[in-house]
Amino acid sequence: MNSSLFGITWAAEYNGLWIAVIFLLWLLVVYKAVLHFKVVRQLTSGRSYNNILAHYSPLKTYLKTCLLLLGIISLGAALLRPQWGKKEEVVHQMGRDLFIAVDISKSMLAKDVTPNRLEFAKQKIKQLVNTLASDRVGLILFAGSAFVQCPLTRDYQAFFMFLDALDNSTVASGGTAIDQAIQQALTIFKSMADKKNKLLVLVTDGEDFSPNLSSIKESALQEGLHIFTLGVGTPEGAPIPLFDPAGKQMGHQKDKNGTVVISRLNEQLLSDLSHKVGGKYLHATKDDSDVKKLVSLVQSYEKESLEDTKIDHYQEQYHWFLLVSLMCFALEWIL
């Protein structure tokens, strides 16, 4: 973090070690000067300098010492990168807009991946967002219905804050309606008429009870929405844990016959969905190969102009201190 002193912002506090060296050098010059004048006094013992030391000038020695000290101080100040005088700069940003829709239905608590599907999905999303770097991302949550948890942003820390808030206490009851997540993304992109590339990543186990998934596929195709699906879980599946209000597991979900329900990854549904709208299905893996493939697919789309950002920054002024330092050293050498 930059600090401010005397109305000047010092942008390179990390050069503190060099400043310590500069300070020791400054003390050495002071010590040498004091020692010099002490020796001169002992040699002259009150008599005229001209009678004892030919061509010696105490004023000249004093000036050379002052120039050295001022030059060293100026050099130390330059190393700290002094800045002042704010200047506004408009930064034109390029990138892609990508919505990530996360399934928060109860089946996402199944533990056929570690520690469970939801936490595993969050790890994958973080890898994806960090790798994309310059794109805007938004977060959609869906189960029986869908809503935007985080609008499109380049503030990844804010995005991760919303993502980290997802746990077993935020999981929704009821079934999963993938069509609702797609519809939410379509609604937002429709308000962005000049948008060329509309990208959506669905992170889900593929269990779906959508009443009109077929028709929403057609809408996505007509609107040019490219949907990539990331399947979380295994085809073998796992039971769905149930938790009490305190967050303690109290068993597993059962059907009306009392049989434990096994939730399985529905890869066929997710593959068909992505293929229909020109996207691609990927199975979430333990390594990062899935994320690399997904990043490559997203980055294959052309970057577009995003909103311009105005940035206020201080202007660099270290060159003035460096100039004073060089002038002092030059004058000291001439004298």
C-alpha atoms as a PDB file:
ATOM      1  CA  MET A   1       0.000   0.000   0.000  1.00  0.00           C
ATOM      2  CA  ASN A   2       1.301   3.444  -0.928  1.00  0.00           C
ATOM      3  CA  SER A   3       1.783   5.997   1.870  1.00  0.00           C
ATOM      4  CA  SER A   4       1.553   9.764   1.782  1.00  0.00           C
ATOM      5  CA  LEU A   5       3.821  12.300   3.486  1.00  0.00           C
ATOM      6  CA  PHE A   6       4.093  16.060   2.966  1.00  0.00           C
ATOM      7  CA  GLY A   7       1.370  15.791   0.324  1.00  0.00           C
ATOM      8  CA  ILE A   8       3.509  13.371  -1.690  1.00  0.00           C
ATOM      9  CA  THR A   9       2.582   9.762  -2.399  1.00  0.00           C
ATOM     10  CA  TRP A  10       5.496   7.348  -2.067  1.00  0.00           C
ATOM     11  CA  ALA A  11       4.810   4.423  -4.387  1.00  0.00           C
ATOM     12  CA  ALA A  12       7.858   2.210  -3.775  1.00  0.00           C
ATOM     13  CA  GLU A  13       7.943   1.438  -0.069  1.00  0.00           C
ATOM     14  CA  TYR A  14       9.331  -1.967  -1.041  1.00  0.00           C
ATOM     15  CA  ASN A  15      12.668  -0.205  -1.625  1.00  0.00           C
ATOM     16  CA  GLY A  16      13.007   0.213   2.132  1.00  0.00           C
ATOM     17  CA  LEU A  17      16.133  -1.969   2.234  1.00  0.00           C
ATOM     18  CA  TRP A  18      17.898   0.367  -0.183  1.00  0.00           C
ATOM     19  CA  ILE A  19      16.784   3.320   1.912  1.00  0.00           C
ATOM     20  CA  ALA A  20      18.500   1.697   4.898  1.00  0.00           C
ATOM     21  CA  VAL A  21      21.700   1.474   2.830  1.00  0.00           C
ATOM     22  CA  ILE A  22      21.315   5.116   1.792  1.00  0.00           C
ATOM     23  CA  PHE A  23      20.853   6.131   5.438  1.00  0.00           C
ATOM     24  CA  LEU A  24      24.011   4.283   6.483  1.00  0.00           C
ATOM     25  CA  LEU A  25      25.910   6.007   3.671  1.00  0.00           C
ATOM     26  CA  TRP A  26      24.551   9.362   4.851  1.00  0.00           C
ATOM     27  CA  LEU A  27      25.746   8.643   8.390  1.00  0.00           C
ATOM     28  CA  LEU A  28      29.156   7.658   7.019  1.00  0.00           C
ATOM     29  CA  VAL A  29      29.500  11.009   5.224  1.00  0.00           C
ATOM     30  CA  VAL A  30      28.504  12.888   8.382  1.00  0.00           C
ATOM     31  CA  TYR A  31      30.986  10.866  10.431  1.00  0.00           C
ATOM     32  CA  LYS A  32      33.763  11.519   7.911  1.00  0.00           C
ATOM     33  CA  ALA A  33      33.031  15.268   7.919  1.00  0.00           C
ATOM     34  CA  VAL A  34      33.041  15.473  11.723  1.00  0.00           C
ATOM     35  CA  LEU A  35      36.273  13.493  11.876  1.00  0.00           C
ATOM     36  CA  HIS A  36      37.818  15.728   9.203  1.00  0.00           C
ATOM     37  CA  PHE A  37      37.084  18.973  11.042  1.00  0.00           C
ATOM     38  CA  LYS A  38      38.289  17.455  14.311  1.00  0.00           C
ATOM     39  CA  VAL A  39      41.644  16.540  12.739  1.00  0.00           C
ATOM     40  CA  VAL A  40      41.989  20.026  11.210  1.00  0.00           C
ATOM     41  CA  ARG A  41      41.388  21.667  14.601  1.00  0.00           C
ATOM     42  CA  GLN A  42      44.010  19.461  16.220  1.00  0.00           C
ATOM     43  CA  LEU A  43      46.559  20.294  13.522  1.00  0.00           C
ATOM     44  CA  THR A  44      46.011  24.049  13.553  1.00  0.00           C
ATOM     45  CA  SER A  45      45.451  24.519  17.315  1.00  0.00           C
ATOM     46  CA  GLY A  46      43.896  27.938  16.789  1.00  0.00           C
ATOM     47  CA  ARG A  47      46.479  29.142  14.221  1.00  0.00           C
ATOM     48  CA  SER A  48      45.560  30.269  10.697  1.00  0.00           C
ATOM     49  CA  TYR A  49      44.608  27.515   8.274  1.00  0.00           C
ATOM     50  CA  ASN A  50      46.724  29.167   5.537  1.00  0.00           C
ATOM     51  CA  ASN A  51      49.911  28.904   7.627  1.00  0.00           C
ATOM     52  CA  ILE A  52      49.489  25.191   8.260  1.00  0.00           C
ATOM     53  CA  LEU A  53      47.400  23.749   5.381  1.00  0.00           C
ATOM     54  CA  ALA A  54      48.070  25.202   1.946  1.00  0.00           C
ATOM     55  CA  HIS A  55      45.036  25.770  -0.261  1.00  0.00           C
ATOM     56  CA  TYR A  56      42.709  24.476   2.458  1.00  0.00           C
ATOM     57  CA  SER A  57      39.247  26.061   2.688  1.00  0.00           C
ATOM     58  CA  PRO A  58      36.891  24.995   5.468  1.00  0.00           C
ATOM     59  CA  LEU A  59      33.994  26.622   3.572  1.00  0.00           C
ATOM     60  CA  LYS A  60      34.719  24.506   0.497  1.00  0.00           C
ATOM     61  CA  THR A  61      34.884  21.337   2.607  1.00  0.00           C
ATOM     62  CA  TYR A  62      31.609  22.272   4.300  1.00  0.00           C
ATOM     63  CA  LEU A  63      29.905  22.879   0.930  1.00  0.00           C
ATOM     64  CA  LYS A  64      31.169  19.552  -0.495  1.00  0.00           C
ATOM     65  CA  THR A  65      29.820  17.731   2.567  1.00  0.00           C
ATOM     66  CA  CYS A  66      26.426  19.451   2.294  1.00  0.00           C
ATOM     67  CA  LEU A  67      26.222  18.637  -1.422  1.00  0.00           C
ATOM     68  CA  LEU A  68      27.001  14.977  -0.741  1.00  0.00           C
ATOM     69  CA  LEU A  69      24.374  14.780   1.999  1.00  0.00           C
ATOM     70  CA  LEU A  70      21.719  16.499  -0.132  1.00  0.00           C
ATOM     71  CA  GLY A  71      22.564  14.271  -3.106  1.00  0.00           C
ATOM     72  CA  ILE A  72      22.228  11.130  -0.988  1.00  0.00           C
ATOM     73  CA  ILE A  73      18.885  12.271   0.466  1.00  0.00           C
ATOM     74  CA  SER A  74      17.563  13.107  -3.017  1.00  0.00           C
ATOM     75  CA  LEU A  75      18.677   9.715  -4.336  1.00  0.00           C
ATOM     76  CA  GLY A  76      16.847   7.967  -1.471  1.00  0.00           C
ATOM     77  CA  ALA A  77      13.712  10.001  -2.178  1.00  0.00           C
ATOM     78  CA  ALA A  78      13.890   9.057  -5.886  1.00  0.00           C
ATOM     79  CA  LEU A  79      14.081   5.356  -4.958  1.00  0.00           C
ATOM     80  CA  LEU A  80      10.762   5.710  -3.107  1.00  0.00           C
ATOM     81  CA  ARG A  81       9.062   6.890  -6.351  1.00  0.00           C
ATOM     82  CA  PRO A  82       7.467  10.172  -5.240  1.00  0.00           C
ATOM     83  CA  GLN A  83       4.174  10.997  -6.983  1.00  0.00           C
ATOM     84  CA  TRP A  84       1.848  13.984  -6.968  1.00  0.00           C
ATOM     85  CA  GLY A  85      -0.544  15.720  -9.321  1.00  0.00           C
ATOM     86  CA  LYS A  86      -3.571  13.517 -10.115  1.00  0.00           C
ATOM     87  CA  LYS A  87      -4.309  12.735 -13.754  1.00  0.00           C
ATOM     88  CA  GLU A  88      -7.462  11.074 -15.060  1.00  0.00           C
ATOM     89  CA  GLU A  89      -7.009   8.357 -17.667  1.00  0.00           C
ATOM     90  CA  VAL A  90      -9.739   6.567 -19.616  1.00  0.00           C
ATOM     91  CA  VAL A  91      -8.950   2.872 -20.045  1.00  0.00           C
ATOM     92  CA  HIS A  92     -10.681   1.131 -22.950  1.00  0.00           C
ATOM     93  CA  GLN A  93     -11.366  -2.462 -21.944  1.00  0.00           C
ATOM     94  CA  MET A  94     -11.744  -5.505 -24.177  1.00  0.00           C
ATOM     95  CA  GLY A  95     -13.003  -8.913 -23.157  1.00  0.00           C
ATOM     96  CA  ARG A  96     -15.899 -11.345 -23.182  1.00  0.00           C
ATOM     97  CA  ASP A  97     -19.067 -11.569 -21.107  1.00  0.00           C
ATOM     98  CA  LEU A  98     -19.605 -14.965 -19.500  1.00  0.00           C
ATOM     99  CA  PHE A  99     -22.374 -16.074 -17.169  1.00  0.00           C
ATOM    100  CA  ILE A 100     -21.727 -19.084 -14.947  1.00  0.00           C
ATOM    101  CA  ALA A 101     -24.881 -20.825 -13.745  1.00  0.00           C
ATOM    102  CA  VAL A 102     -24.463 -23.059 -10.694  1.00  0.00           C
ATOM    103  CA  ASP A 103     -26.908 -25.771  -9.703  1.00  0.00           C
ATOM    104  CA  ILE A 104     -27.793 -25.359  -6.015  1.00  0.00           C
ATOM    105  CA  SER A 105     -30.327 -28.178  -5.750  1.00  0.00           C
ATOM    106  CA  LYS A 106     -30.004 -30.775  -2.986  1.00  0.00           C
ATOM    107  CA  SER A 107     -28.444 -33.337  -5.325  1.00  0.00           C
ATOM    108  CA  MET A 108     -25.346 -31.103  -5.483  1.00  0.00           C
ATOM    109  CA  LEU A 109     -24.556 -32.181  -1.905  1.00  0.00           C
ATOM    110  CA  ALA A 110     -23.922 -35.769  -3.021  1.00  0.00           C
ATOM    111  CA  LYS A 111     -20.396 -36.925  -2.196  1.00  0.00           C
ATOM    112  CA  ASP A 112     -19.375 -38.935  -5.239  1.00  0.00           C
ATOM    113  CA  VAL A 113     -16.675 -36.233  -5.647  1.00  0.00           C
ATOM    114  CA  THR A 114     -14.703 -34.722  -2.772  1.00  0.00           C
ATOM    115  CA  PRO A 115     -15.859 -33.084  -0.569  1.00  0.00           C
ATOM    116  CA  ASN A 116     -19.207 -32.862  -2.395  1.00  0.00           C
ATOM    117  CA  ARG A 117     -20.472 -31.794  -5.797  1.00  0.00           C
ATOM    118  CA  LEU A 118     -21.144 -28.188  -4.808  1.00  0.00           C
ATOM    119  CA  GLU A 119     -17.746 -27.561  -3.220  1.00  0.00           C
ATOM    120  CA  PHE A 120     -16.025 -29.346  -6.095  1.00  0.00           C
ATOM    121  CA  ALA A 121     -17.915 -27.130  -8.554  1.00  0.00           C
ATOM    122  CA  LYS A 122     -16.845 -23.983  -6.678  1.00  0.00           C
ATOM    123  CA  GLN A 123     -13.185 -25.006  -6.955  1.00  0.00           C
ATOM    124  CA  LYS A 124     -13.557 -25.507 -10.711  1.00  0.00           C
ATOM    125  CA  ILE A 125     -15.278 -22.146 -11.153  1.00  0.00           C
ATOM    126  CA  LYS A 126     -12.494 -20.352  -9.298  1.00  0.00           C
ATOM    127  CA  GLN A 127      -9.887 -21.986 -11.540  1.00  0.00           C
ATOM    128  CA  LEU A 128     -11.887 -20.971 -14.601  1.00  0.00           C
ATOM    129  CA  VAL A 129     -12.354 -17.337 -13.562  1.00  0.00           C
ATOM    130  CA  ASN A 130      -8.737 -16.868 -12.486  1.00  0.00           C
ATOM    131  CA  THR A 131      -7.515 -18.247 -15.804  1.00  0.00           C
ATOM    132  CA  LEU A 132      -9.817 -16.058 -17.903  1.00  0.00           C
ATOM    133  CA  ALA A 133      -8.264 -12.978 -16.263  1.00  0.00           C
ATOM    134  CA  SER A 134      -9.652 -10.156 -18.439  1.00  0.00           C
ATOM    135  CA  ASP A 135     -13.261 -11.224 -19.039  1.00  0.00           C
ATOM    136  CA  ARG A 136     -16.386 -10.146 -17.199  1.00  0.00           C
ATOM    137  CA  VAL A 137     -18.185 -12.903 -15.320  1.00  0.00           C
ATOM    138  CA  GLY A 138     -21.602 -13.116 -13.723  1.00  0.00           C
ATOM    139  CA  LEU A 139     -23.099 -15.706 -11.370  1.00  0.00           C
ATOM    140  CA  ILE A 140     -26.539 -17.290 -11.772  1.00  0.00           C
ATOM    141  CA  LEU A 141     -27.909 -19.684  -9.162  1.00  0.00           C
ATOM    142  CA  PHE A 142     -30.645 -22.142 -10.044  1.00  0.00           C
ATOM    143  CA  ALA A 143     -32.651 -25.026  -8.670  1.00  0.00           C
ATOM    144  CA  GLY A 144     -36.428 -24.946  -9.209  1.00  0.00           C
ATOM    145  CA  SER A 145     -36.039 -21.294 -10.221  1.00  0.00           C
ATOM    146  CA  ALA A 146     -33.078 -19.091 -11.154  1.00  0.00           C
ATOM    147  CA  PHE A 147     -31.775 -15.666 -10.164  1.00  0.00           C
ATOM    148  CA  VAL A 148     -28.668 -13.538 -10.704  1.00  0.00           C
ATOM    149  CA  GLN A 149     -26.464 -13.671  -7.613  1.00  0.00           C
ATOM    150  CA  CYS A 150     -23.687 -11.504  -9.072  1.00  0.00           C
ATOM    151  CA  PRO A 151     -24.081  -9.321 -12.195  1.00  0.00           C
ATOM    152  CA  LEU A 152     -21.385  -9.190 -14.859  1.00  0.00           C
ATOM    153  CA  THR A 153     -18.214  -7.822 -13.309  1.00  0.00           C
ATOM    154  CA  ARG A 154     -14.442  -7.773 -13.567  1.00  0.00           C
ATOM    155  CA  ASP A 155     -14.199  -7.535  -9.794  1.00  0.00           C
ATOM    156  CA  TYR A 156     -13.302 -11.166  -9.215  1.00  0.00           C
ATOM    157  CA  GLN A 157     -13.008 -10.710  -5.462  1.00  0.00           C
ATOM    158  CA  ALA A 158     -16.669  -9.671  -5.310  1.00  0.00           C
ATOM    159  CA  PHE A 159     -17.588 -12.617  -7.546  1.00  0.00           C
ATOM    160  CA  PHE A 160     -15.692 -15.042  -5.298  1.00  0.00           C
ATOM    161  CA  MET A 161     -17.376 -13.574  -2.221  1.00  0.00           C
ATOM    162  CA  PHE A 162     -20.791 -14.517  -3.626  1.00  0.00           C
ATOM    163  CA  LEU A 163     -19.481 -17.911  -4.724  1.00  0.00           C
ATOM    164  CA  ASP A 164     -17.939 -18.698  -1.334  1.00  0.00           C
ATOM    165  CA  ALA A 165     -21.281 -18.015   0.358  1.00  0.00           C
ATOM    166  CA  LEU A 166     -22.723 -21.160  -1.240  1.00  0.00           C
ATOM    167  CA  ASP A 167     -22.890 -24.137   1.121  1.00  0.00           C
ATOM    168  CA  ASN A 168     -25.354 -26.710   2.389  1.00  0.00           C
ATOM    169  CA  SER A 169     -27.347 -23.969   4.142  1.00  0.00           C
ATOM    170  CA  THR A 170     -28.035 -22.154   0.854  1.00  0.00           C
ATOM    171  CA  VAL A 171     -29.018 -25.244  -1.131  1.00  0.00           C
ATOM    172  CA  ALA A 172     -32.607 -25.003  -2.339  1.00  0.00           C
ATOM    173  CA  SER A 173     -35.270 -27.624  -1.822  1.00  0.00           C
ATOM    174  CA  GLY A 174     -37.255 -29.053  -4.700  1.00  0.00           C
ATOM    175  CA  GLY A 175     -36.157 -30.207  -8.126  1.00  0.00           C
ATOM    176  CA  THR A 176     -33.805 -28.738 -10.715  1.00  0.00           C
ATOM    177  CA  ALA A 177     -34.987 -26.689 -13.680  1.00  0.00           C
ATOM    178  CA  ILE A 178     -32.105 -26.070 -16.071  1.00  0.00           C
ATOM    179  CA  ASP A 179     -34.427 -24.175 -18.416  1.00  0.00           C
ATOM    180  CA  GLN A 180     -34.791 -21.456 -15.758  1.00  0.00           C
ATOM    181  CA  ALA A 181     -31.035 -20.817 -15.695  1.00  0.00           C
ATOM    182  CA  ILE A 182     -30.908 -20.563 -19.497  1.00  0.00           C
ATOM    183  CA  GLN A 183     -33.929 -18.266 -19.542  1.00  0.00           C
ATOM    184  CA  GLN A 184     -32.269 -15.991 -16.969  1.00  0.00           C
ATOM    185  CA  ALA A 185     -29.160 -15.674 -19.143  1.00  0.00           C
ATOM    186  CA  LEU A 186     -31.271 -15.042 -22.267  1.00  0.00           C
ATOM    187  CA  THR A 187     -33.197 -12.271 -20.533  1.00  0.00           C
ATOM    188  CA  ILE A 188     -30.008 -10.467 -19.537  1.00  0.00           C
ATOM    189  CA  PHE A 189     -28.313 -10.822 -22.922  1.00  0.00           C
ATOM    190  CA  LYS A 190     -31.456  -9.534 -24.691  1.00  0.00           C
ATOM    191  CA  SER A 191     -30.920  -6.219 -22.919  1.00  0.00           C
ATOM    192  CA  MET A 192     -27.437  -6.078 -24.485  1.00  0.00           C
ATOM    193  CA  ALA A 193     -28.472  -5.722 -28.114  1.00  0.00           C
ATOM    194  CA  ASP A 194     -24.973  -5.050 -29.493  1.00  0.00           C
ATOM    195  CA  LYS A 195     -23.499  -8.163 -27.894  1.00  0.00           C
ATOM    196  CA  LYS A 196     -21.939 -10.486 -30.509  1.00  0.00           C
ATOM    197  CA  ASN A 197     -20.996 -13.425 -28.304  1.00  0.00           C
ATOM    198  CA  LYS A 198     -23.346 -14.664 -25.598  1.00  0.00           C
ATOM    199  CA  LEU A 199     -21.700 -17.280 -23.416  1.00  0.00           C
ATOM    200  CA  LEU A 200     -23.116 -19.412 -20.617  1.00  0.00           C
ATOM    201  CA  VAL A 201     -21.462 -22.163 -18.582  1.00  0.00           C
ATOM    202  CA  LEU A 202     -23.859 -24.499 -16.775  1.00  0.00           C
ATOM    203  CA  VAL A 203     -22.302 -26.274 -13.791  1.00  0.00           C
ATOM    204  CA  THR A 204     -24.627 -29.055 -12.724  1.00  0.00           C
ATOM    205  CA  ASP A 205     -25.067 -32.798 -12.200  1.00  0.00           C
ATOM    206  CA  GLY A 206     -27.626 -32.877 -14.997  1.00  0.00           C
ATOM    207  CA  GLU A 207     -30.606 -33.972 -12.935  1.00  0.00           C
ATOM    208  CA  ASP A 208     -33.407 -31.962 -14.497  1.00  0.00           C
ATOM    209  CA  PHE A 209     -37.169 -31.558 -14.128  1.00  0.00           C
ATOM    210  CA  SER A 210     -37.576 -28.678 -16.584  1.00  0.00           C
ATOM    211  CA  PRO A 211     -41.103 -28.445 -18.047  1.00  0.00           C
ATOM    212  CA  ASN A 212     -39.909 -26.837 -21.308  1.00  0.00           C
ATOM    213  CA  LEU A 213     -36.223 -27.546 -21.827  1.00  0.00           C
ATOM    214  CA  SER A 214     -36.791 -28.357 -25.528  1.00  0.00           C
ATOM    215  CA  SER A 215     -38.371 -24.985 -26.295  1.00  0.00           C
ATOM    216  CA  ILE A 216     -35.717 -23.077 -24.319  1.00  0.00           C
ATOM    217  CA  LYS A 217     -33.043 -24.830 -26.411  1.00  0.00           C
ATOM    218  CA  GLU A 218     -34.688 -23.403 -29.531  1.00  0.00           C
ATOM    219  CA  SER A 219     -34.750 -19.923 -27.971  1.00  0.00           C
ATOM    220  CA  ALA A 220     -31.069 -20.191 -27.072  1.00  0.00           C
ATOM    221  CA  LEU A 221     -30.248 -21.271 -30.633  1.00  0.00           C
ATOM    222  CA  GLN A 222     -32.203 -18.370 -32.140  1.00  0.00           C
ATOM    223  CA  GLU A 223     -30.625 -15.823 -29.798  1.00  0.00           C
ATOM    224  CA  GLY A 224     -27.102 -17.122 -30.425  1.00  0.00           C
ATOM    225  CA  LEU A 225     -26.513 -18.199 -26.826  1.00  0.00           C
ATOM    226  CA  HIS A 226     -23.589 -20.630 -26.659  1.00  0.00           C
ATOM    227  CA  ILE A 227     -24.000 -23.024 -23.745  1.00  0.00           C
ATOM    228  CA  PHE A 228     -21.144 -25.051 -22.285  1.00  0.00           C
ATOM    229  CA  THR A 229     -22.015 -27.655 -19.687  1.00  0.00           C
ATOM    230  CA  LEU A 230     -19.696 -28.876 -16.946  1.00  0.00           C
ATOM    231  CA  GLY A 231     -20.977 -32.096 -15.439  1.00  0.00           C
ATOM    232  CA  VAL A 232     -20.215 -32.591 -11.752  1.00  0.00           C
ATOM    233  CA  GLY A 233     -20.490 -36.030 -10.190  1.00  0.00           C
ATOM    234  CA  THR A 234     -20.234 -39.616 -11.443  1.00  0.00           C
ATOM    235  CA  PRO A 235     -22.566 -41.875 -13.447  1.00  0.00           C
ATOM    236  CA  GLU A 236     -22.521 -44.320 -10.513  1.00  0.00           C
ATOM    237  CA  GLY A 237     -23.838 -41.560  -8.281  1.00  0.00           C
ATOM    238  CA  ALA A 238     -24.196 -41.218  -4.527  1.00  0.00           C
ATOM    239  CA  PRO A 239     -26.983 -40.698  -1.954  1.00  0.00           C
ATOM    240  CA  ILE A 240     -28.158 -37.168  -1.182  1.00  0.00           C
ATOM    241  CA  PRO A 241     -27.354 -36.179   2.440  1.00  0.00           C
ATOM    242  CA  LEU A 242     -29.880 -34.333   4.561  1.00  0.00           C
ATOM    243  CA  PHE A 243     -28.919 -31.723   7.175  1.00  0.00           C
ATOM    244  CA  ASP A 244     -30.682 -30.270  10.189  1.00  0.00           C
ATOM    245  CA  PRO A 245     -30.892 -26.475  10.756  1.00  0.00           C
ATOM    246  CA  ALA A 246     -27.603 -26.613  12.658  1.00  0.00           C
ATOM    247  CA  GLY A 247     -25.827 -28.067   9.615  1.00  0.00           C
ATOM    248  CA  LYS A 248     -25.421 -31.560  11.039  1.00  0.00           C
ATOM    249  CA  GLN A 249     -26.103 -34.477   8.713  1.00  0.00           C
ATOM    250  CA  MET A 250     -29.125 -36.472   9.793  1.00  0.00           C
ATOM    251  CA  GLY A 251     -29.326 -39.156   7.132  1.00  0.00           C
ATOM    252  CA  HIS A 252     -30.038 -39.362   3.403  1.00  0.00           C
ATOM    253  CA  GLN A 253     -32.950 -38.481   1.189  1.00  0.00           C
ATOM    254  CA  LYS A 254     -35.418 -41.341   0.579  1.00  0.00           C
ATOM    255  CA  ASP A 255     -38.240 -41.893  -1.843  1.00  0.00           C
ATOM    256  CA  LYS A 256     -41.853 -42.609  -0.861  1.00  0.00           C
ATOM    257  CA  ASN A 257     -41.007 -46.278  -0.395  1.00  0.00           C
ATOM    258  CA  GLY A 258     -38.264 -45.493   2.115  1.00  0.00           C
ATOM    259  CA  THR A 259     -35.436 -46.339  -0.286  1.00  0.00           C
ATOM    260  CA  VAL A 260     -32.357 -44.122  -0.255  1.00  0.00           C
ATOM    261  CA  VAL A 261     -32.291 -41.987  -3.405  1.00  0.00           C
ATOM    262  CA  ILE A 262     -29.147 -42.241  -5.516  1.00  0.00           C
ATOM    263  CA  SER A 263     -28.312 -39.130  -7.530  1.00  0.00           C
ATOM    264  CA  ARG A 264     -26.392 -39.804 -10.763  1.00  0.00           C
ATOM    265  CA  LEU A 265     -24.639 -37.547 -13.234  1.00  0.00           C
ATOM    266  CA  ASN A 266     -26.789 -37.248 -16.372  1.00  0.00           C
ATOM    267  CA  GLU A 267     -24.117 -36.794 -19.025  1.00  0.00           C
ATOM    268  CA  GLN A 268     -26.454 -37.574 -21.928  1.00  0.00           C
ATOM    269  CA  LEU A 269     -28.786 -34.690 -21.142  1.00  0.00           C
ATOM    270  CA  LEU A 270     -25.931 -32.210 -20.746  1.00  0.00           C
ATOM    271  CA  SER A 271     -24.187 -33.385 -23.905  1.00  0.00           C
ATOM    272  CA  ASP A 272     -27.390 -33.098 -25.959  1.00  0.00           C
ATOM    273  CA  LEU A 273     -28.065 -29.635 -24.571  1.00  0.00           C
ATOM    274  CA  SER A 274     -24.627 -28.254 -25.443  1.00  0.00           C
ATOM    275  CA  HIS A 275     -24.546 -29.924 -28.854  1.00  0.00           C
ATOM    276  CA  LYS A 276     -27.928 -28.421 -29.759  1.00  0.00           C
ATOM    277  CA  VAL A 277     -26.736 -24.833 -29.237  1.00  0.00           C
ATOM    278  CA  GLY A 278     -23.192 -25.106 -30.583  1.00  0.00           C
ATOM    279  CA  GLY A 279     -21.495 -25.547 -27.226  1.00  0.00           C
ATOM    280  CA  LYS A 280     -19.684 -28.486 -25.688  1.00  0.00           C
ATOM    281  CA  TYR A 281     -20.084 -30.818 -22.734  1.00  0.00           C
ATOM    282  CA  LEU A 282     -17.153 -31.407 -20.374  1.00  0.00           C
ATOM    283  CA  HIS A 283     -16.954 -33.764 -17.413  1.00  0.00           C
ATOM    284  CA  ALA A 284     -15.426 -32.136 -14.306  1.00  0.00           C
ATOM    285  CA  THR A 285     -12.219 -34.026 -13.509  1.00  0.00           C
ATOM    286  CA  LYS A 286      -9.873 -34.167 -10.547  1.00  0.00           C
ATOM    287  CA  ASP A 287      -7.085 -32.535 -12.537  1.00  0.00           C
ATOM    288  CA  ASP A 288      -7.313 -29.204 -14.369  1.00  0.00           C
ATOM    289  CA  SER A 289      -7.665 -30.617 -17.903  1.00  0.00           C
ATOM    290  CA  ASP A 290     -11.398 -29.811 -17.931  1.00  0.00           C
ATOM    291  CA  VAL A 291     -10.804 -26.178 -16.997  1.00  0.00           C
ATOM    292  CA  LYS A 292      -8.074 -25.827 -19.631  1.00  0.00           C
ATOM    293  CA  LYS A 293     -10.421 -27.118 -22.325  1.00  0.00           C
ATOM    294  CA  LEU A 294     -13.217 -24.823 -21.153  1.00  0.00           C
ATOM    295  CA  VAL A 295     -10.934 -21.784 -21.094  1.00  0.00           C
ATOM    296  CA  SER A 296      -9.740 -22.615 -24.598  1.00  0.00           C
ATOM    297  CA  LEU A 297     -13.339 -22.824 -25.824  1.00  0.00           C
ATOM    298  CA  VAL A 298     -14.326 -19.521 -24.225  1.00  0.00           C
ATOM    299  CA  GLN A 299     -11.217 -17.762 -25.524  1.00  0.00           C
ATOM    300  CA  SER A 300     -11.953 -18.948 -29.065  1.00  0.00           C
ATOM    301  CA  TYR A 301     -14.683 -16.298 -29.172  1.00  0.00           C
ATOM    302  CA  GLU A 302     -13.759 -12.775 -30.217  1.00  0.00           C
ATOM    303  CA  LYS A 303     -13.206 -10.153 -27.551  1.00  0.00           C
ATOM    304  CA  GLU A 304     -15.618  -7.225 -27.547  1.00  0.00           C
ATOM    305  CA  SER A 305     -15.544  -3.700 -26.187  1.00  0.00           C
ATOM    306  CA  LEU A 306     -16.573  -3.512 -22.556  1.00  0.00           C
ATOM    307  CA  GLU A 307     -17.317  -0.370 -20.585  1.00  0.00           C
ATOM    308  CA  ASP A 308     -14.606   2.297 -20.459  1.00  0.00           C
ATOM    309  CA  THR A 309     -13.136   2.860 -17.005  1.00  0.00           C
ATOM    310  CA  LYS A 310     -11.809   6.148 -15.677  1.00  0.00           C
ATOM    311  CA  ILE A 311      -8.739   5.766 -13.510  1.00  0.00           C
ATOM    312  CA  ASP A 312      -7.199   8.524 -11.388  1.00  0.00           C
ATOM    313  CA  HIS A 313      -3.495   8.113 -10.862  1.00  0.00           C
ATOM    314  CA  TYR A 314      -0.653  10.270  -9.568  1.00  0.00           C
ATOM    315  CA  GLN A 315       2.091  11.316 -11.950  1.00  0.00           C
ATOM    316  CA  GLU A 316       5.619  10.074 -11.394  1.00  0.00           C
ATOM    317  CA  GLN A 317       7.946  12.826 -10.072  1.00  0.00           C
ATOM    318  CA  TYR A 318      11.026  10.823  -9.074  1.00  0.00           C
ATOM    319  CA  HIS A 319      13.030  12.322 -11.961  1.00  0.00           C
ATOM    320  CA  TRP A 320      13.167  15.711 -10.187  1.00  0.00           C
ATOM    321  CA  PHE A 321      14.787  14.149  -7.133  1.00  0.00           C
ATOM    322  CA  LEU A 322      17.137  12.171  -9.358  1.00  0.00           C
ATOM    323  CA  LEU A 323      18.122  15.377 -11.174  1.00  0.00           C
ATOM    324  CA  VAL A 324      18.855  17.173  -7.873  1.00  0.00           C
ATOM    325  CA  SER A 325      20.932  14.189  -6.746  1.00  0.00           C
ATOM    326  CA  LEU A 326      23.021  14.135  -9.938  1.00  0.00           C
ATOM    327  CA  MET A 327      23.560  17.904  -9.802  1.00  0.00           C
ATOM    328  CA  CYS A 328      24.737  17.703  -6.196  1.00  0.00           C
ATOM    329  CA  PHE A 329      27.193  14.902  -6.949  1.00  0.00           C
ATOM    330  CA  ALA A 330      28.476  16.759 -10.023  1.00  0.00           C
ATOM    331  CA  LEU A 331      29.013  20.021  -8.111  1.00  0.00           C
ATOM    332  CA  GLU A 332      30.722  18.159  -5.261  1.00  0.00           C
ATOM    333  CA  TRP A 333      33.111  16.539  -7.756  1.00  0.00           C
ATOM    334  CA  ILE A 334      33.847  19.922  -9.473  1.00  0.00           C
ATOM    335  CA  LEU A 335      34.584  21.607  -6.137  1.00  0.00           C
END
